[in-house]
Amino acid sequence: MATQPIKITEIFYSLQGEGPRLGRPSIFIRTAYCSLSCIFCDIPEAWRIEEHRAPNKFNRFAKESDFIHLEPKELLAKIDELNTKCDIILTGGEPLMQQKAFVSFLELFHKKYPTREVTVETNGIHSPLREFAEHIALYVVSPKFKSSGNNGARENKKSFEWFSGKHEYTDLNGHLVPPCDRSIWKPVVCDDKDLVEFQYLIDKYNINETDIYCMPEGVDNETLQKNMLWLSEVCKQKNWNMTTRLQIAIWNNKRAT
């Protein structure tokens, strides 16, 4: 069967900086393209194509020619060059936009490394295919709010219900996908209004408080520390987990960290 090349912006070895696996050595595969265009995105080069200048506070763009096209075997070879033991993280951009292309890679990866885990960082809008979902150990769902600058659809009822473990569904290939039991919710919080919007999602989808990892917005240490102070009090009151952004604290938003 013919395989599709995967379009990525970068692949690198670092420490997971966010969420329940914070501090864990990991290989990051940053995919091209995103279904949202957040004004606070710290890697706009992953999706902000020069020909389509979406609003963003970073004056950074990508060209289609900047993206790296890798066949599944080529991507596996890149991973082997970096580390043969750690887990991998599919991030972006929005990796689920290329999940069909990723299936062949994931089959090769888990045939060679059956115990190495794969995490997907997603905005939650896209529903996984069963053949993709079978390879994923953890979904980190990061819903976006009005503060992100996205005026279009930021919520998909079908996929949000699935990520919250509420129901199965039939994917685009006609396969039944069992309810998800391996996701956490990591909202990017800028202000109190974001918390109101997130509480609406919690109530609507009955999200478990133990699955919440609130993350303060901040692409520099000063902003991150300021937002951590007030958000930490909210998390204590609501019994939510809170996560920092280790890559900002250590490397101050340097690429490939």
Protein backbone atom coordinates (compact mmCIF):
# COMPACT_ATOMS: atom_id res chain seq x y z
CA MET A 1 0.00 0.00 0.00
CA ALA A 2 1.32 3.44 -0.96
CA THR A 3 2.29 5.67 1.94
CA GLN A 4 1.85 9.42 2.28
CA PRO A 5 4.76 11.68 3.23
CA ILE A 6 4.39 13.42 6.59
CA LYS A 7 4.94 17.17 6.57
CA ILE A 8 6.81 18.43 9.61
CA THR A 9 8.50 21.64 10.66
CA GLU A 10 11.04 20.11 13.04
CA ILE A 11 11.98 16.99 14.96
CA PHE A 12 14.07 17.20 18.13
CA TYR A 13 14.97 15.52 21.42
CA SER A 14 14.17 17.36 24.64
CA LEU A 15 12.18 17.19 27.88
CA GLN A 16 8.40 17.27 27.93
CA GLY A 17 7.66 20.71 29.31
CA GLU A 18 3.94 20.48 30.04
CA GLY A 19 1.25 18.26 31.51
CA PRO A 20 1.32 14.99 33.47
CA ARG A 21 4.58 13.81 31.86
CA LEU A 22 6.47 17.02 32.55
CA GLY A 23 10.24 16.49 32.64
CA ARG A 24 10.19 13.20 30.73
CA PRO A 25 12.81 12.83 27.95
CA SER A 26 10.94 12.74 24.65
CA ILE A 27 11.30 13.12 20.91
CA PHE A 28 9.03 15.82 19.50
CA ILE A 29 7.67 15.58 15.97
CA ARG A 30 6.20 18.99 15.15
CA THR A 31 3.78 18.73 12.28
CA ALA A 32 2.90 21.35 9.71
CA TYR A 33 -0.55 22.96 9.49
CA CYS A 34 -3.19 23.71 12.11
CA SER A 35 -6.96 24.06 12.06
CA LEU A 36 -6.72 27.06 14.42
CA SER A 37 -4.65 30.25 14.36
CA CYS A 38 -4.03 31.31 17.94
CA ILE A 39 -2.63 34.81 18.46
CA PHE A 40 -0.41 33.56 21.31
CA CYS A 41 0.98 30.54 19.43
CA ASP A 42 4.69 30.19 20.25
CA ILE A 43 5.46 28.26 17.05
CA PRO A 44 3.54 30.10 14.31
CA GLU A 45 6.00 28.71 11.75
CA ALA A 46 4.16 25.41 12.07
CA TRP A 47 1.02 26.78 10.47
CA ARG A 48 1.33 30.46 9.57
CA ILE A 49 2.03 30.31 5.87
CA GLU A 50 3.51 33.49 4.40
CA GLU A 51 0.89 33.55 1.66
CA HIS A 52 -1.93 33.54 4.27
CA ARG A 53 -0.91 36.12 6.85
CA ALA A 54 -3.18 35.37 9.80
CA PRO A 55 -3.04 37.79 12.77
CA ASN A 56 -0.35 36.89 15.28
CA LYS A 57 1.76 38.86 17.73
CA PHE A 58 4.86 37.11 16.34
CA ASN A 59 6.17 38.43 13.05
CA ARG A 60 7.24 34.97 11.96
CA PHE A 61 6.03 33.01 8.94
CA ALA A 62 6.69 29.78 7.11
CA LYS A 63 6.69 28.91 3.44
CA GLU A 64 5.42 25.64 2.05
CA SER A 65 8.99 24.99 0.93
CA ASP A 66 10.17 25.21 4.57
CA PHE A 67 8.26 22.08 5.55
CA ILE A 68 10.12 18.77 5.63
CA HIS A 69 8.46 15.90 3.75
CA LEU A 70 9.33 12.50 5.23
CA GLU A 71 8.19 9.02 4.29
CA PRO A 72 7.42 6.73 7.27
CA LYS A 73 10.76 4.90 7.00
CA GLU A 74 12.64 8.20 6.79
CA LEU A 75 10.89 9.53 9.89
CA LEU A 76 11.72 6.34 11.80
CA ALA A 77 15.37 6.71 10.80
CA LYS A 78 15.38 10.30 12.11
CA ILE A 79 14.02 9.09 15.43
CA ASP A 80 16.65 6.37 15.66
CA GLU A 81 19.34 9.00 15.19
CA LEU A 82 18.02 10.99 18.16
CA ASN A 83 17.15 8.35 20.76
CA THR A 84 16.18 4.67 20.70
CA LYS A 85 14.58 4.50 24.16
CA CYS A 86 12.37 7.50 24.91
CA ASP A 87 8.72 8.11 24.04
CA ILE A 88 7.64 10.32 21.16
CA ILE A 89 5.24 13.25 21.05
CA LEU A 90 3.23 14.26 18.00
CA THR A 91 2.64 17.99 18.29
CA GLY A 92 2.14 20.92 16.00
CA GLY A 93 0.45 22.59 14.49
CA GLU A 94 -2.29 20.01 14.70
CA PRO A 95 -1.01 16.44 14.20
CA LEU A 96 -4.47 14.94 13.70
CA MET A 97 -4.73 16.80 10.42
CA GLN A 98 -2.15 14.29 9.09
CA GLN A 99 -3.26 11.18 10.95
CA LYS A 100 -3.79 9.16 7.76
CA ALA A 101 -0.15 9.74 6.84
CA PHE A 102 0.96 8.87 10.38
CA VAL A 103 -0.66 5.43 10.43
CA SER A 104 2.05 3.73 8.36
CA PHE A 105 4.76 5.35 10.48
CA LEU A 106 3.11 4.29 13.75
CA GLU A 107 2.83 0.71 12.51
CA LEU A 108 6.56 0.68 11.71
CA PHE A 109 7.45 2.39 14.98
CA HIS A 110 5.54 -0.02 17.22
CA LYS A 111 6.69 -3.05 15.25
CA LYS A 112 10.27 -2.03 16.06
CA TYR A 113 9.58 -0.52 19.51
CA PRO A 114 6.42 -2.13 20.94
CA THR A 115 6.84 -0.63 24.44
CA ARG A 116 7.65 2.99 23.48
CA GLU A 117 4.65 5.24 23.95
CA VAL A 118 3.20 7.92 21.68
CA THR A 119 1.53 11.09 22.97
CA VAL A 120 -0.60 13.35 20.79
CA GLU A 121 -1.01 17.05 21.58
CA THR A 122 -4.21 18.28 19.95
CA ASN A 123 -6.75 21.10 19.98
CA GLY A 124 -9.48 18.43 20.17
CA ILE A 125 -11.35 19.44 17.03
CA HIS A 126 -10.46 16.35 14.99
CA SER A 127 -11.70 12.82 15.66
CA PRO A 128 -9.04 10.08 15.42
CA LEU A 129 -9.29 7.15 13.05
CA ARG A 130 -9.35 3.78 14.80
CA GLU A 131 -6.14 2.61 13.08
CA PHE A 132 -4.43 5.77 14.38
CA ALA A 133 -5.97 5.69 17.87
CA GLU A 134 -4.80 2.12 18.47
CA HIS A 135 -1.20 3.39 18.68
CA ILE A 136 -1.72 6.32 21.07
CA ALA A 137 -0.97 6.08 24.80
CA LEU A 138 -2.09 9.60 25.74
CA TYR A 139 -4.02 12.49 24.18
CA VAL A 140 -3.31 15.95 25.57
CA VAL A 141 -6.35 18.00 24.60
CA SER A 142 -5.84 21.76 24.66
CA PRO A 143 -9.17 23.53 23.99
CA LYS A 144 -8.92 27.14 22.91
CA PHE A 145 -11.09 30.06 23.97
CA LYS A 146 -12.07 33.47 22.62
CA SER A 147 -8.81 34.92 23.94
CA SER A 148 -6.96 32.80 21.34
CA GLY A 149 -8.32 35.03 18.58
CA ASN A 150 -10.07 32.18 16.79
CA ASN A 151 -13.47 33.43 15.72
CA GLY A 152 -14.53 30.21 14.01
CA ALA A 153 -15.21 26.76 15.41
CA ARG A 154 -13.10 25.98 18.50
CA GLU A 155 -15.23 23.07 19.66
CA ASN A 156 -16.32 19.81 18.01
CA LYS A 157 -19.07 18.07 19.98
CA LYS A 158 -18.34 14.64 18.50
CA SER A 159 -14.62 14.66 19.25
CA PHE A 160 -14.94 16.45 22.61
CA GLU A 161 -17.42 13.81 23.77
CA TRP A 162 -15.02 11.11 22.62
CA PHE A 163 -11.96 12.62 24.31
CA SER A 164 -13.96 12.93 27.54
CA GLY A 165 -14.73 9.20 27.34
CA LYS A 166 -18.47 9.55 26.85
CA HIS A 167 -19.16 7.54 23.71
CA GLU A 168 -17.84 5.52 20.80
CA TYR A 169 -18.21 6.63 17.21
CA THR A 170 -17.75 5.39 13.67
CA ASP A 171 -14.72 6.88 11.95
CA LEU A 172 -14.38 8.00 8.33
CA ASN A 173 -13.35 4.47 7.33
CA GLY A 174 -16.49 2.95 8.86
CA HIS A 175 -14.65 1.50 11.88
CA LEU A 176 -16.03 1.70 15.41
CA VAL A 177 -13.73 3.66 17.76
CA PRO A 178 -14.23 2.77 21.46
CA PRO A 179 -14.60 5.63 23.99
CA CYS A 180 -11.28 7.27 24.89
CA ASP A 181 -9.84 6.34 28.28
CA ARG A 182 -6.42 7.96 27.89
CA SER A 183 -6.80 11.71 27.61
CA ILE A 184 -6.15 14.75 29.77
CA TRP A 185 -7.35 18.32 29.25
CA LYS A 186 -4.75 21.08 29.22
CA PRO A 187 -6.43 24.45 28.65
CA VAL A 188 -4.22 27.45 27.90
CA VAL A 189 -5.52 30.09 30.35
CA CYS A 190 -5.01 33.82 29.80
CA ASP A 191 -7.61 35.31 32.15
CA ASP A 192 -10.81 34.79 34.15
CA LYS A 193 -12.92 34.76 30.99
CA ASP A 194 -11.05 31.66 29.83
CA LEU A 195 -11.96 29.92 33.08
CA VAL A 196 -15.64 30.68 32.52
CA GLU A 197 -15.45 29.16 29.04
CA PHE A 198 -13.56 26.13 30.33
CA GLN A 199 -16.07 25.57 33.13
CA TYR A 200 -18.77 25.48 30.45
CA LEU A 201 -16.87 22.67 28.70
CA ILE A 202 -16.35 20.81 31.98
CA ASP A 203 -20.08 20.88 32.69
CA LYS A 204 -21.12 20.10 29.12
CA TYR A 205 -18.81 17.10 28.69
CA ASN A 206 -18.59 16.02 32.32
CA ILE A 207 -14.80 16.25 32.33
CA ASN A 208 -13.20 14.65 35.39
CA GLU A 209 -11.27 17.11 37.58
CA THR A 210 -8.41 14.61 37.87
CA ASP A 211 -7.96 14.85 34.07
CA ILE A 212 -7.46 18.64 34.13
CA TYR A 213 -4.02 20.25 33.89
CA CYS A 214 -4.48 24.01 33.66
CA MET A 215 -1.61 25.80 31.95
CA PRO A 216 -0.97 29.55 32.18
CA GLU A 217 -0.38 31.36 28.91
CA GLY A 218 3.11 32.77 28.60
CA VAL A 219 5.85 32.66 25.98
CA ASP A 220 8.35 34.45 28.21
CA ASN A 221 9.29 33.91 31.84
CA GLU A 222 7.83 37.18 33.11
CA THR A 223 4.36 36.51 31.67
CA LEU A 224 4.45 32.87 32.68
CA GLN A 225 5.31 33.65 36.31
CA LYS A 226 2.64 36.37 36.52
CA ASN A 227 -0.08 34.04 35.24
CA MET A 228 1.09 31.13 37.37
CA LEU A 229 0.59 33.14 40.55
CA TRP A 230 -3.12 33.80 40.15
CA LEU A 231 -3.92 30.54 38.33
CA SER A 232 -2.34 28.48 41.11
CA GLU A 233 -4.91 29.84 43.56
CA VAL A 234 -7.76 28.91 41.21
CA CYS A 235 -6.40 25.37 40.79
CA LYS A 236 -6.18 24.92 44.56
CA GLN A 237 -9.77 26.08 44.99
CA LYS A 238 -11.11 23.82 42.24
CA ASN A 239 -8.86 20.82 42.96
CA TRP A 240 -7.40 20.94 39.45
CA ASN A 241 -3.86 20.04 38.49
CA MET A 242 -1.70 22.86 37.20
CA THR A 243 1.20 22.61 34.81
CA THR A 244 3.93 25.07 34.04
CA ARG A 245 5.84 25.38 30.73
CA LEU A 246 9.26 23.96 31.49
CA GLN A 247 10.63 24.85 28.06
CA ILE A 248 9.93 28.55 28.76
CA ALA A 249 11.42 28.41 32.25
CA ILE A 250 14.63 26.76 31.00
CA TRP A 251 15.11 27.96 27.42
CA ASN A 252 12.80 31.02 27.18
CA ASN A 253 10.92 29.92 24.05
CA LYS A 254 13.95 28.94 22.00
CA ARG A 255 13.06 26.76 19.01
CA ALA A 256 13.52 22.98 19.19
CA THR A 257 13.23 22.84 22.98
